[in-house]
Amino acid sequence: MTENKDEGQNEKAFKNFGKRVDEFLVEFEEAGERLKKEFEGKFEELRVSAEKLKKEAENKDRWKDVEQSLKRAGDELGNAFKAAFNNKKN
């Protein structure tokens, strides 16, 4: 009789353990989904930031090109004025 009673208690303990494992797996899966969503959100933020930095860098390069072109044009204009006024004096 005690053997049957022990068997019943063991079965109950395993059943309870199985329930807890199932609950843990559900919680684990839910946590995984939350982490996945959080990761995707952070990844999207980083992607947007990277695109923004890329555009800013491109704009800086463009402005550097514009600045260099304007400097060259200014130098050429200055040389043209010097040549024009030097020729009048001579």
C-alpha atoms as a PDB file:
ATOM      1  CA  MET A   1       0.000   0.000   0.000  1.00  0.00           C
ATOM      2  CA  THR A   2       2.782   2.477   0.840  1.00  0.00           C
ATOM      3  CA  GLU A   3       4.426   1.575  -2.448  1.00  0.00           C
ATOM      4  CA  ASN A   4       1.303   2.709  -4.323  1.00  0.00           C
ATOM      5  CA  LYS A   5       1.139   5.819  -2.164  1.00  0.00           C
ATOM      6  CA  ASP A   6       4.804   6.625  -2.919  1.00  0.00           C
ATOM      7  CA  GLU A   7       4.176   6.012  -6.612  1.00  0.00           C
ATOM      8  CA  GLY A   8       1.223   8.397  -6.519  1.00  0.00           C
ATOM      9  CA  GLN A   9       3.297  11.071  -4.782  1.00  0.00           C
ATOM     10  CA  ASN A  10       6.158  10.631  -7.260  1.00  0.00           C
ATOM     11  CA  GLU A  11       3.756  10.900 -10.172  1.00  0.00           C
ATOM     12  CA  LYS A  12       2.274  14.030  -8.605  1.00  0.00           C
ATOM     13  CA  ALA A  13       5.765  15.489  -8.098  1.00  0.00           C
ATOM     14  CA  PHE A  14       6.745  14.748 -11.720  1.00  0.00           C
ATOM     15  CA  LYS A  15       3.454  16.150 -12.966  1.00  0.00           C
ATOM     16  CA  ASN A  16       4.017  19.310 -10.899  1.00  0.00           C
ATOM     17  CA  PHE A  17       7.599  19.498 -12.159  1.00  0.00           C
ATOM     18  CA  GLY A  18       6.358  19.108 -15.744  1.00  0.00           C
ATOM     19  CA  LYS A  19       3.863  21.935 -15.216  1.00  0.00           C
ATOM     20  CA  ARG A  20       6.603  24.190 -13.892  1.00  0.00           C
ATOM     21  CA  VAL A  21       8.861  23.354 -16.837  1.00  0.00           C
ATOM     22  CA  ASP A  22       5.997  24.158 -19.224  1.00  0.00           C
ATOM     23  CA  GLU A  23       5.353  27.472 -17.445  1.00  0.00           C
ATOM     24  CA  PHE A  24       9.058  28.274 -17.542  1.00  0.00           C
ATOM     25  CA  LEU A  25       9.194  27.552 -21.279  1.00  0.00           C
ATOM     26  CA  VAL A  26       6.209  29.827 -21.909  1.00  0.00           C
ATOM     27  CA  GLU A  27       7.817  32.618 -19.866  1.00  0.00           C
ATOM     28  CA  PHE A  28      11.133  32.003 -21.609  1.00  0.00           C
ATOM     29  CA  GLU A  29       9.456  32.240 -25.015  1.00  0.00           C
ATOM     30  CA  GLU A  30       7.641  35.456 -24.029  1.00  0.00           C
ATOM     31  CA  ALA A  31      10.899  36.950 -22.744  1.00  0.00           C
ATOM     32  CA  GLY A  32      12.591  35.907 -25.976  1.00  0.00           C
ATOM     33  CA  GLU A  33       9.892  37.660 -28.000  1.00  0.00           C
ATOM     34  CA  ARG A  34      10.224  40.819 -25.883  1.00  0.00           C
ATOM     35  CA  LEU A  35      13.998  40.757 -26.301  1.00  0.00           C
ATOM     36  CA  LYS A  36      13.645  40.152 -30.025  1.00  0.00           C
ATOM     37  CA  LYS A  37      11.306  43.160 -30.373  1.00  0.00           C
ATOM     38  CA  GLU A  38      13.623  45.287 -28.240  1.00  0.00           C
ATOM     39  CA  PHE A  39      16.620  44.189 -30.292  1.00  0.00           C
ATOM     40  CA  GLU A  40      14.788  44.951 -33.546  1.00  0.00           C
ATOM     41  CA  GLY A  41      13.867  48.395 -32.197  1.00  0.00           C
ATOM     42  CA  LYS A  42      17.441  49.158 -31.164  1.00  0.00           C
ATOM     43  CA  PHE A  43      18.734  47.818 -34.476  1.00  0.00           C
ATOM     44  CA  GLU A  44      16.340  50.104 -36.365  1.00  0.00           C
ATOM     45  CA  GLU A  45      17.470  53.088 -34.265  1.00  0.00           C
ATOM     46  CA  LEU A  46      21.089  52.285 -35.076  1.00  0.00           C
ATOM     47  CA  ARG A  47      20.304  51.880 -38.765  1.00  0.00           C
ATOM     48  CA  VAL A  48      18.558  55.267 -38.871  1.00  0.00           C
ATOM     49  CA  SER A  49      21.465  56.876 -36.995  1.00  0.00           C
ATOM     50  CA  ALA A  50      23.956  55.310 -39.397  1.00  0.00           C
ATOM     51  CA  GLU A  51      22.019  56.612 -42.404  1.00  0.00           C
ATOM     52  CA  LYS A  52      21.867  60.070 -40.846  1.00  0.00           C
ATOM     53  CA  LEU A  53      25.619  60.056 -40.183  1.00  0.00           C
ATOM     54  CA  LYS A  54      26.270  58.856 -43.707  1.00  0.00           C
ATOM     55  CA  LYS A  55      24.205  61.713 -45.169  1.00  0.00           C
ATOM     56  CA  GLU A  56      25.908  64.242 -42.906  1.00  0.00           C
ATOM     57  CA  ALA A  57      29.312  62.946 -43.966  1.00  0.00           C
ATOM     58  CA  GLU A  58      28.308  63.167 -47.633  1.00  0.00           C
ATOM     59  CA  ASN A  59      27.079  66.728 -47.102  1.00  0.00           C
ATOM     60  CA  LYS A  60      30.336  67.663 -45.375  1.00  0.00           C
ATOM     61  CA  ASP A  61      32.297  66.236 -48.294  1.00  0.00           C
ATOM     62  CA  ARG A  62      30.109  68.173 -50.720  1.00  0.00           C
ATOM     63  CA  TRP A  63      30.585  71.377 -48.750  1.00  0.00           C
ATOM     64  CA  LYS A  64      34.319  70.785 -48.661  1.00  0.00           C
ATOM     65  CA  ASP A  65      34.254  70.442 -52.459  1.00  0.00           C
ATOM     66  CA  VAL A  66      32.165  73.623 -52.762  1.00  0.00           C
ATOM     67  CA  GLU A  67      34.487  75.442 -50.379  1.00  0.00           C
ATOM     68  CA  GLN A  68      37.563  74.346 -52.349  1.00  0.00           C
ATOM     69  CA  SER A  69      35.942  75.348 -55.649  1.00  0.00           C
ATOM     70  CA  LEU A  70      35.011  78.759 -54.259  1.00  0.00           C
ATOM     71  CA  LYS A  71      38.542  79.232 -52.932  1.00  0.00           C
ATOM     72  CA  ARG A  72      40.005  78.362 -56.362  1.00  0.00           C
ATOM     73  CA  ALA A  73      37.537  80.714 -58.052  1.00  0.00           C
ATOM     74  CA  GLY A  74      38.449  83.469 -55.586  1.00  0.00           C
ATOM     75  CA  ASP A  75      42.166  82.892 -56.207  1.00  0.00           C
ATOM     76  CA  GLU A  76      41.628  83.027 -59.974  1.00  0.00           C
ATOM     77  CA  LEU A  77      39.549  86.188 -59.652  1.00  0.00           C
ATOM     78  CA  GLY A  78      42.259  87.740 -57.477  1.00  0.00           C
ATOM     79  CA  ASN A  79      44.901  86.798 -60.052  1.00  0.00           C
ATOM     80  CA  ALA A  80      42.755  88.284 -62.825  1.00  0.00           C
ATOM     81  CA  PHE A  81      42.423  91.602 -60.937  1.00  0.00           C
ATOM     82  CA  LYS A  82      46.138  91.667 -60.241  1.00  0.00           C
ATOM     83  CA  ALA A  83      46.927  91.007 -63.898  1.00  0.00           C
ATOM     84  CA  ALA A  84      44.441  93.659 -65.035  1.00  0.00           C
ATOM     85  CA  PHE A  85      45.695  96.346 -62.670  1.00  0.00           C
ATOM     86  CA  ASN A  86      49.387  95.470 -63.131  1.00  0.00           C
ATOM     87  CA  ASN A  87      48.992  95.826 -66.907  1.00  0.00           C
ATOM     88  CA  LYS A  88      47.375  99.296 -66.545  1.00  0.00           C
ATOM     89  CA  LYS A  89      50.206 100.515 -64.316  1.00  0.00           C
ATOM     90  CA  ASN A  90      52.876  99.287 -66.738  1.00  0.00           C
END
